[in-house]
Amino acid sequence: MRSIKKMSHTLQPRQLANQPRQGDVLLNKITSVIDLSGATLIKPENGRLILARGEATGHHHSVDCAVAQLFSIDGKTVLVAGEDTAIVHQEHDQVSVEKGMYWVVAQQEYTPQAIRRVAD
């Protein structure tokens, strides 16, 4: 009789260069030209640009303001990374973000009661 070898491994979420994701935050790379002249610059907090805040813990997803800017335009958020950077969160591994422009998306989940923002 053959013995079956048990395999154990850790599955990591697949990261795409044009769609970095950390927890409930997804960045979608912008490939077309966007006019930010009417956008509002979002100010950093303690040297960090806050992409999303945790609802219960006070933790947040953020990037270093020394290499990026964050804008609000038409109810959407745009991250402009002037050089490679990383999304940092107190409870997640950091995620690399390549230089470029990204839509900041708060991911949503479906429940029979409603579509709601994913809580982190």
C-alpha atoms as a PDB file:
ATOM      1  CA  MET A   1       0.000   0.000   0.000  1.00  0.00           C
ATOM      2  CA  ARG A   2       1.318   3.464  -0.897  1.00  0.00           C
ATOM      3  CA  SER A   3       1.484   6.137   1.702  1.00  0.00           C
ATOM      4  CA  ILE A   4       0.115   9.532   0.836  1.00  0.00           C
ATOM      5  CA  LYS A   5       2.345  12.390   1.788  1.00  0.00           C
ATOM      6  CA  LYS A   6       0.517  15.296   3.359  1.00  0.00           C
ATOM      7  CA  MET A   7       1.351  18.665   1.923  1.00  0.00           C
ATOM      8  CA  SER A   8       1.209  21.803   3.954  1.00  0.00           C
ATOM      9  CA  HIS A   9       1.660  25.282   2.631  1.00  0.00           C
ATOM     10  CA  THR A  10       0.418  28.769   3.192  1.00  0.00           C
ATOM     11  CA  LEU A  11      -1.659  30.371   0.501  1.00  0.00           C
ATOM     12  CA  GLN A  12      -0.859  34.007  -0.121  1.00  0.00           C
ATOM     13  CA  PRO A  13      -3.192  36.302  -2.068  1.00  0.00           C
ATOM     14  CA  ARG A  14      -1.926  36.850  -5.591  1.00  0.00           C
ATOM     15  CA  GLN A  15      -0.626  40.361  -6.087  1.00  0.00           C
ATOM     16  CA  LEU A  16      -0.757  41.931  -9.520  1.00  0.00           C
ATOM     17  CA  ALA A  17       1.644  44.770 -10.296  1.00  0.00           C
ATOM     18  CA  ASN A  18      -1.213  46.973 -11.482  1.00  0.00           C
ATOM     19  CA  GLN A  19      -3.555  46.020  -8.592  1.00  0.00           C
ATOM     20  CA  PRO A  20      -1.810  45.976  -5.211  1.00  0.00           C
ATOM     21  CA  ARG A  21      -4.163  44.848  -2.440  1.00  0.00           C
ATOM     22  CA  GLN A  22      -3.879  44.898   1.332  1.00  0.00           C
ATOM     23  CA  GLY A  23      -6.823  43.805   3.463  1.00  0.00           C
ATOM     24  CA  ASP A  24      -9.873  45.756   2.331  1.00  0.00           C
ATOM     25  CA  VAL A  25      -7.886  48.252   0.195  1.00  0.00           C
ATOM     26  CA  LEU A  26      -7.333  47.688  -3.513  1.00  0.00           C
ATOM     27  CA  LEU A  27      -5.334  49.978  -5.794  1.00  0.00           C
ATOM     28  CA  ASN A  28      -6.242  49.983  -9.497  1.00  0.00           C
ATOM     29  CA  LYS A  29      -3.502  51.410 -11.713  1.00  0.00           C
ATOM     30  CA  ILE A  30      -4.685  54.308 -13.860  1.00  0.00           C
ATOM     31  CA  THR A  31      -3.555  53.880 -17.453  1.00  0.00           C
ATOM     32  CA  SER A  32      -5.217  56.938 -18.976  1.00  0.00           C
ATOM     33  CA  VAL A  33      -4.573  60.627 -18.393  1.00  0.00           C
ATOM     34  CA  ILE A  34      -6.515  62.134 -15.494  1.00  0.00           C
ATOM     35  CA  ASP A  35      -6.788  65.877 -14.919  1.00  0.00           C
ATOM     36  CA  LEU A  36      -6.159  66.522 -11.222  1.00  0.00           C
ATOM     37  CA  SER A  37      -6.369  70.309 -11.519  1.00  0.00           C
ATOM     38  CA  GLY A  38      -9.805  70.335  -9.833  1.00  0.00           C
ATOM     39  CA  ALA A  39      -8.878  67.694  -7.256  1.00  0.00           C
ATOM     40  CA  THR A  40      -8.488  68.319  -3.534  1.00  0.00           C
ATOM     41  CA  LEU A  41      -5.109  67.406  -2.027  1.00  0.00           C
ATOM     42  CA  ILE A  42      -5.556  65.182   1.030  1.00  0.00           C
ATOM     43  CA  LYS A  43      -3.162  66.175   3.804  1.00  0.00           C
ATOM     44  CA  PRO A  44      -0.898  63.599   5.450  1.00  0.00           C
ATOM     45  CA  GLU A  45      -1.147  62.638   9.107  1.00  0.00           C
ATOM     46  CA  ASN A  46       2.152  62.128  10.937  1.00  0.00           C
ATOM     47  CA  GLY A  47       3.986  61.645   7.653  1.00  0.00           C
ATOM     48  CA  ARG A  48       1.482  59.086   6.293  1.00  0.00           C
ATOM     49  CA  LEU A  49      -1.248  59.276   3.658  1.00  0.00           C
ATOM     50  CA  ILE A  50      -4.227  57.346   5.040  1.00  0.00           C
ATOM     51  CA  LEU A  51      -5.862  55.155   2.359  1.00  0.00           C
ATOM     52  CA  ALA A  52      -8.417  53.581   4.740  1.00  0.00           C
ATOM     53  CA  ARG A  53      -9.065  53.409   8.463  1.00  0.00           C
ATOM     54  CA  GLY A  54     -10.080  50.410  10.539  1.00  0.00           C
ATOM     55  CA  GLU A  55     -13.538  50.747  11.984  1.00  0.00           C
ATOM     56  CA  ALA A  56     -12.835  49.403  15.458  1.00  0.00           C
ATOM     57  CA  THR A  57      -9.080  49.382  16.087  1.00  0.00           C
ATOM     58  CA  GLY A  58      -7.888  52.778  14.861  1.00  0.00           C
ATOM     59  CA  HIS A  59      -5.423  51.005  12.582  1.00  0.00           C
ATOM     60  CA  HIS A  60      -5.020  52.232   9.026  1.00  0.00           C
ATOM     61  CA  HIS A  61      -3.652  51.424   5.578  1.00  0.00           C
ATOM     62  CA  SER A  62      -1.175  54.123   4.589  1.00  0.00           C
ATOM     63  CA  VAL A  63       1.774  55.127   2.415  1.00  0.00           C
ATOM     64  CA  ASP A  64       4.722  57.447   3.050  1.00  0.00           C
ATOM     65  CA  CYS A  65       3.893  61.050   2.132  1.00  0.00           C
ATOM     66  CA  ALA A  66       7.553  61.693   1.189  1.00  0.00           C
ATOM     67  CA  VAL A  67       7.072  59.713  -2.051  1.00  0.00           C
ATOM     68  CA  ALA A  68       3.340  60.047  -2.761  1.00  0.00           C
ATOM     69  CA  GLN A  69       0.327  62.352  -2.828  1.00  0.00           C
ATOM     70  CA  LEU A  70      -3.342  61.593  -2.267  1.00  0.00           C
ATOM     71  CA  PHE A  71      -6.195  63.423  -3.987  1.00  0.00           C
ATOM     72  CA  SER A  72      -9.991  63.436  -3.814  1.00  0.00           C
ATOM     73  CA  ILE A  73     -11.815  64.024  -7.098  1.00  0.00           C
ATOM     74  CA  ASP A  74     -15.523  63.525  -7.830  1.00  0.00           C
ATOM     75  CA  GLY A  75     -15.970  61.376  -4.709  1.00  0.00           C
ATOM     76  CA  LYS A  76     -13.066  59.094  -5.618  1.00  0.00           C
ATOM     77  CA  THR A  77      -9.544  58.892  -4.232  1.00  0.00           C
ATOM     78  CA  VAL A  78      -6.389  58.918  -6.368  1.00  0.00           C
ATOM     79  CA  LEU A  79      -2.928  57.933  -5.120  1.00  0.00           C
ATOM     80  CA  VAL A  80       0.043  59.349  -7.033  1.00  0.00           C
ATOM     81  CA  ALA A  81       3.247  57.492  -6.155  1.00  0.00           C
ATOM     82  CA  GLY A  82       6.266  59.451  -7.416  1.00  0.00           C
ATOM     83  CA  GLU A  83       8.478  56.433  -6.761  1.00  0.00           C
ATOM     84  CA  ASP A  84       8.055  52.841  -5.600  1.00  0.00           C
ATOM     85  CA  THR A  85       6.553  52.663  -2.113  1.00  0.00           C
ATOM     86  CA  ALA A  86       4.536  50.299   0.088  1.00  0.00           C
ATOM     87  CA  ILE A  87       1.144  50.136   1.790  1.00  0.00           C
ATOM     88  CA  VAL A  88       1.660  49.662   5.520  1.00  0.00           C
ATOM     89  CA  HIS A  89      -0.853  48.427   8.114  1.00  0.00           C
ATOM     90  CA  GLN A  90      -0.377  47.471  11.748  1.00  0.00           C
ATOM     91  CA  GLU A  91      -1.799  43.946  11.252  1.00  0.00           C
ATOM     92  CA  HIS A  92      -0.781  43.071   7.663  1.00  0.00           C
ATOM     93  CA  ASP A  93       2.463  42.480   5.788  1.00  0.00           C
ATOM     94  CA  GLN A  94       3.427  45.535   3.779  1.00  0.00           C
ATOM     95  CA  VAL A  95       2.541  45.474   0.084  1.00  0.00           C
ATOM     96  CA  SER A  96       4.749  46.963  -2.623  1.00  0.00           C
ATOM     97  CA  VAL A  97       3.325  49.670  -4.860  1.00  0.00           C
ATOM     98  CA  GLU A  98       5.103  50.622  -8.073  1.00  0.00           C
ATOM     99  CA  LYS A  99       5.504  54.235  -9.144  1.00  0.00           C
ATOM    100  CA  GLY A 100       2.313  55.459 -10.843  1.00  0.00           C
ATOM    101  CA  MET A 101      -1.261  56.661 -10.381  1.00  0.00           C
ATOM    102  CA  TYR A 102      -3.931  54.485  -8.754  1.00  0.00           C
ATOM    103  CA  TRP A 103      -7.619  54.601  -7.887  1.00  0.00           C
ATOM    104  CA  VAL A 104      -7.997  53.741  -4.191  1.00  0.00           C
ATOM    105  CA  VAL A 105     -10.883  51.288  -3.825  1.00  0.00           C
ATOM    106  CA  ALA A 106     -12.484  50.204  -0.551  1.00  0.00           C
ATOM    107  CA  GLN A 107     -13.495  46.656  -1.349  1.00  0.00           C
ATOM    108  CA  GLN A 108     -17.086  45.596  -0.821  1.00  0.00           C
ATOM    109  CA  GLU A 109     -18.771  42.342   0.044  1.00  0.00           C
ATOM    110  CA  TYR A 110     -22.232  41.038  -0.654  1.00  0.00           C
ATOM    111  CA  THR A 111     -24.571  39.842   2.078  1.00  0.00           C
ATOM    112  CA  PRO A 112     -28.257  39.066   1.601  1.00  0.00           C
ATOM    113  CA  GLN A 113     -29.027  42.205   3.612  1.00  0.00           C
ATOM    114  CA  ALA A 114     -26.826  44.640   1.634  1.00  0.00           C
ATOM    115  CA  ILE A 115     -23.646  45.323  -0.259  1.00  0.00           C
ATOM    116  CA  ARG A 116     -21.257  46.794   2.276  1.00  0.00           C
ATOM    117  CA  ARG A 117     -17.671  47.879   2.654  1.00  0.00           C
ATOM    118  CA  VAL A 118     -15.356  45.130   3.888  1.00  0.00           C
ATOM    119  CA  ALA A 119     -14.476  45.791   7.534  1.00  0.00           C
ATOM    120  CA  ASP A 120     -10.820  45.396   8.480  1.00  0.00           C
END
